[in-house]
Amino acid sequence: MTLDEFQRQVFGVAAASPICDIPLVWSLTSTSIKLRIEIASGGFVDAFFNEQTGTTAYALIRRGARVFGA
């Protein structure tokens, strides 16, 4: 998967969700991307992908604390 494909997938899922705002590109390098998606009920999801290593990570943050991560 490429950075562009990951970004398109996250944007597509967020756009189809009634609880997600439009993702923001939080950081972007030549090999990685971090997106932040605000949640209507409070908090946000950070989505990270590294094209070089194939690493994907997600974290749900509420009230400044990580609630869930994968």
Protein backbone atom coordinates (compact mmCIF):
# COMPACT_ATOMS: atom_id res chain seq x y z
CA MET A 1 0.00 0.00 0.00
CA THR A 2 1.20 3.54 -0.69
CA LEU A 3 0.80 6.66 1.43
CA ASP A 4 -1.74 7.98 -1.06
CA GLU A 5 -3.80 4.78 -0.91
CA PHE A 6 -3.80 4.84 2.89
CA GLN A 7 -4.88 8.47 2.93
CA ARG A 8 -7.70 7.83 0.42
CA GLN A 9 -8.96 4.85 2.45
CA VAL A 10 -9.01 6.79 5.73
CA PHE A 11 -10.70 9.79 4.10
CA GLY A 12 -13.30 7.50 2.50
CA VAL A 13 -14.17 5.73 5.74
CA ALA A 14 -14.34 9.02 7.66
CA ALA A 15 -16.58 10.60 5.00
CA ALA A 16 -19.00 7.66 5.22
CA SER A 17 -19.16 7.83 9.02
CA PRO A 18 -21.78 9.96 10.76
CA ILE A 19 -19.47 10.55 13.75
CA CYS A 20 -16.18 11.49 12.04
CA ASP A 21 -15.03 14.88 10.82
CA ILE A 22 -12.84 15.24 7.76
CA PRO A 23 -9.33 13.93 8.55
CA LEU A 24 -6.44 16.34 8.83
CA VAL A 25 -2.94 15.48 7.68
CA TRP A 26 -1.06 15.91 10.97
CA SER A 27 2.37 15.02 9.60
CA LEU A 28 3.73 13.82 6.28
CA THR A 29 7.19 12.63 5.28
CA SER A 30 8.40 10.82 2.19
CA THR A 31 7.70 7.46 3.89
CA SER A 32 5.00 8.09 6.52
CA ILE A 33 1.73 9.88 7.18
CA LYS A 34 -0.21 10.66 10.35
CA LEU A 35 -3.87 11.66 10.09
CA ARG A 36 -6.10 13.03 12.84
CA ILE A 37 -9.86 12.49 12.76
CA GLU A 38 -11.99 14.44 15.23
CA ILE A 39 -14.93 12.48 16.68
CA ALA A 40 -18.33 14.19 17.14
CA SER A 41 -18.76 12.79 20.66
CA GLY A 42 -15.35 14.16 21.73
CA GLY A 43 -11.80 13.07 21.27
CA PHE A 44 -10.05 12.01 18.11
CA VAL A 45 -8.43 9.11 16.29
CA ASP A 46 -4.82 9.27 15.14
CA ALA A 47 -4.05 7.01 12.17
CA PHE A 48 -0.42 6.35 11.21
CA PHE A 49 1.07 4.52 8.25
CA ASN A 50 4.71 3.96 7.29
CA GLU A 51 5.05 2.87 3.67
CA GLN A 52 8.65 1.71 4.04
CA THR A 53 8.00 -0.70 6.94
CA GLY A 54 4.31 -1.43 6.29
CA THR A 55 3.46 -0.32 9.84
CA THR A 56 -0.10 0.83 10.51
CA ALA A 57 -1.22 2.13 13.91
CA TYR A 58 -4.39 3.68 15.30
CA ALA A 59 -5.14 5.34 18.64
CA LEU A 60 -8.37 6.69 20.12
CA ILE A 61 -7.69 9.67 22.37
CA ARG A 62 -10.29 11.08 24.79
CA ARG A 63 -9.66 13.77 27.40
CA GLY A 64 -5.95 13.67 26.61
CA ALA A 65 -5.56 9.95 27.34
CA ARG A 66 -5.20 6.99 25.00
CA VAL A 67 -8.35 4.87 25.32
CA PHE A 68 -7.59 2.30 22.63
CA GLY A 69 -4.75 1.57 20.28
CA ALA A 70 -3.88 -1.00 17.67
